[in-house]
């Protein structure tokens, strides 16, 4: 398991990046 800490200012940028990273990790783990 890998822990990633996001440092971001307000807005949806960090949320979107974390969601994309999570989706990519889930897809690669299932393959």
PDB file of N, CA and C in Angstrom:
ATOM      1  N   UNK A   1       0.849  -1.178   0.000  1.00  0.00           N
ATOM      2  CA  UNK A   1       0.000   0.000   0.000  1.00  0.00           C
ATOM      3  C   UNK A   1       0.893   1.240   0.000  1.00  0.00           C
ATOM      4  N   UNK A   2       0.435   2.259  -0.681  1.00  0.00           N
ATOM      5  CA  UNK A   2       1.199   3.493  -0.811  1.00  0.00           C
ATOM      6  C   UNK A   2       0.358   4.648  -0.295  1.00  0.00           C
ATOM      7  N   UNK A   3       0.962   5.476   0.539  1.00  0.00           N
ATOM      8  CA  UNK A   3       0.258   6.652   1.049  1.00  0.00           C
ATOM      9  C   UNK A   3       0.738   7.871   0.278  1.00  0.00           C
ATOM     10  N   UNK A   4      -0.212   8.619  -0.249  1.00  0.00           N
ATOM     11  CA  UNK A   4       0.110   9.828  -1.000  1.00  0.00           C
ATOM     12  C   UNK A   4      -0.530  11.003  -0.287  1.00  0.00           C
ATOM     13  N   UNK A   5       0.252  12.049  -0.043  1.00  0.00           N
ATOM     14  CA  UNK A   5      -0.268  13.249   0.611  1.00  0.00           C
ATOM     15  C   UNK A   5      -0.296  14.366  -0.429  1.00  0.00           C
ATOM     16  N   UNK A   6      -1.463  14.944  -0.628  1.00  0.00           N
ATOM     17  CA  UNK A   6      -1.626  16.024  -1.600  1.00  0.00           C
ATOM     18  C   UNK A   6      -1.529  17.365  -0.876  1.00  0.00           C
ATOM     19  N   UNK A   7      -0.723  18.258  -1.417  1.00  0.00           N
ATOM     20  CA  UNK A   7      -0.654  19.628  -0.920  1.00  0.00           C
ATOM     21  C   UNK A   7      -1.245  20.502  -2.021  1.00  0.00           C
ATOM     22  N   UNK A   8      -2.392  21.084  -1.743  1.00  0.00           N
ATOM     23  CA  UNK A   8      -3.054  21.870  -2.781  1.00  0.00           C
ATOM     24  C   UNK A   8      -3.787  23.044  -2.162  1.00  0.00           C
ATOM     25  N   UNK A   9      -4.019  24.030  -2.972  1.00  0.00           N
ATOM     26  CA  UNK A   9      -4.855  25.143  -2.560  1.00  0.00           C
ATOM     27  C   UNK A   9      -6.283  24.790  -2.923  1.00  0.00           C
ATOM     28  N   UNK A  10      -7.222  25.607  -2.535  1.00  0.00           N
ATOM     29  CA  UNK A  10      -8.638  25.308  -2.745  1.00  0.00           C
ATOM     30  C   UNK A  10      -8.982  24.907  -4.171  1.00  0.00           C
ATOM     31  N   UNK A  11     -10.177  24.449  -4.349  1.00  0.00           N
ATOM     32  CA  UNK A  11     -10.620  24.024  -5.670  1.00  0.00           C
ATOM     33  C   UNK A  11     -10.671  22.520  -5.780  1.00  0.00           C
ATOM     34  N   UNK A  12     -10.971  22.048  -6.970  1.00  0.00           N
ATOM     35  CA  UNK A  12     -11.175  20.623  -7.192  1.00  0.00           C
ATOM     36  C   UNK A  12      -9.950  19.943  -7.800  1.00  0.00           C
ATOM     37  N   UNK A  13      -8.864  20.656  -7.982  1.00  0.00           N
ATOM     38  CA  UNK A  13      -7.691  20.078  -8.640  1.00  0.00           C
ATOM     39  C   UNK A  13      -7.121  18.869  -7.923  1.00  0.00           C
ATOM     40  N   UNK A  14      -6.892  18.985  -6.617  1.00  0.00           N
ATOM     41  CA  UNK A  14      -6.311  17.871  -5.857  1.00  0.00           C
ATOM     42  C   UNK A  14      -7.285  16.702  -5.795  1.00  0.00           C
ATOM     43  N   UNK A  15      -8.564  16.998  -5.649  1.00  0.00           N
ATOM     44  CA  UNK A  15      -9.574  15.933  -5.594  1.00  0.00           C
ATOM     45  C   UNK A  15      -9.604  15.161  -6.907  1.00  0.00           C
ATOM     46  N   UNK A  16      -9.574  15.885  -8.015  1.00  0.00           N
ATOM     47  CA  UNK A  16      -9.600  15.239  -9.326  1.00  0.00           C
ATOM     48  C   UNK A  16      -8.337  14.414  -9.551  1.00  0.00           C
ATOM     49  N   UNK A  17      -7.190  14.948  -9.162  1.00  0.00           N
ATOM     50  CA  UNK A  17      -5.933  14.216  -9.327  1.00  0.00           C
ATOM     51  C   UNK A  17      -5.928  12.949  -8.483  1.00  0.00           C
ATOM     52  N   UNK A  18      -6.405  13.036  -7.249  1.00  0.00           N
ATOM     53  CA  UNK A  18      -6.445  11.868  -6.370  1.00  0.00           C
ATOM     54  C   UNK A  18      -7.397  10.815  -6.919  1.00  0.00           C
ATOM     55  N   UNK A  19      -8.509  11.264  -7.455  1.00  0.00           N
ATOM     56  CA  UNK A  19      -9.486  10.331  -8.013  1.00  0.00           C
ATOM     57  C   UNK A  19      -8.916   9.616  -9.240  1.00  0.00           C
ATOM     58  N   UNK A  20      -8.227  10.361 -10.091  1.00  0.00           N
ATOM     59  CA  UNK A  20      -7.602   9.757 -11.277  1.00  0.00           C
ATOM     60  C   UNK A  20      -6.528   8.760 -10.867  1.00  0.00           C
ATOM     61  N   UNK A  21      -5.712   9.108  -9.872  1.00  0.00           N
ATOM     62  CA  UNK A  21      -4.666   8.202  -9.412  1.00  0.00           C
ATOM     63  C   UNK A  21      -5.277   6.940  -8.820  1.00  0.00           C
ATOM     64  N   UNK A  22      -6.343   7.094  -8.050  1.00  0.00           N
ATOM     65  CA  UNK A  22      -7.015   5.934  -7.468  1.00  0.00           C
ATOM     66  C   UNK A  22      -7.596   5.023  -8.530  1.00  0.00           C
ATOM     67  N   UNK A  23      -8.196   5.603  -9.548  1.00  0.00           N
ATOM     68  CA  UNK A  23      -8.774   4.804 -10.632  1.00  0.00           C
ATOM     69  C   UNK A  23      -7.676   4.055 -11.389  1.00  0.00           C
ATOM     70  N   UNK A  24      -6.564   4.725 -11.646  1.00  0.00           N
ATOM     71  CA  UNK A  24      -5.454   4.082 -12.348  1.00  0.00           C
ATOM     72  C   UNK A  24      -4.870   2.944 -11.515  1.00  0.00           C
ATOM     73  N   UNK A  25      -4.748   3.152 -10.214  1.00  0.00           N
ATOM     74  CA  UNK A  25      -4.213   2.109  -9.332  1.00  0.00           C
ATOM     75  C   UNK A  25      -5.150   0.908  -9.296  1.00  0.00           C
ATOM     76  N   UNK A  26      -6.445   1.161  -9.244  1.00  0.00           N
ATOM     77  CA  UNK A  26      -7.418   0.069  -9.205  1.00  0.00           C
ATOM     78  C   UNK A  26      -7.382  -0.729 -10.510  1.00  0.00           C
ATOM     79  N   UNK A  27      -7.253  -0.052 -11.629  1.00  0.00           N
ATOM     80  CA  UNK A  27      -7.205  -0.740 -12.918  1.00  0.00           C
ATOM     81  C   UNK A  27      -5.928  -1.563 -13.066  1.00  0.00           C
ATOM     82  N   UNK A  28      -4.804  -1.009 -12.630  1.00  0.00           N
ATOM     83  CA  UNK A  28      -3.544  -1.741 -12.772  1.00  0.00           C
ATOM     84  C   UNK A  28      -3.470  -2.909 -11.795  1.00  0.00           C
ATOM     85  N   UNK A  29      -4.098  -2.785 -10.637  1.00  0.00           N
ATOM     86  CA  UNK A  29      -4.095  -3.877  -9.656  1.00  0.00           C
ATOM     87  C   UNK A  29      -4.979  -5.024 -10.130  1.00  0.00           C
ATOM     88  N   UNK A  30      -6.034  -4.701 -10.869  1.00  0.00           N
ATOM     89  CA  UNK A  30      -6.951  -5.727 -11.337  1.00  0.00           C
ATOM     90  C   UNK A  30      -6.467  -6.446 -12.585  1.00  0.00           C
ATOM     91  N   UNK A  31      -5.479  -5.870 -13.256  1.00  0.00           N
ATOM     92  CA  UNK A  31      -5.018  -6.455 -14.519  1.00  0.00           C
ATOM     93  C   UNK A  31      -4.067  -7.610 -14.316  1.00  0.00           C
TER      94      UNK A  31
END
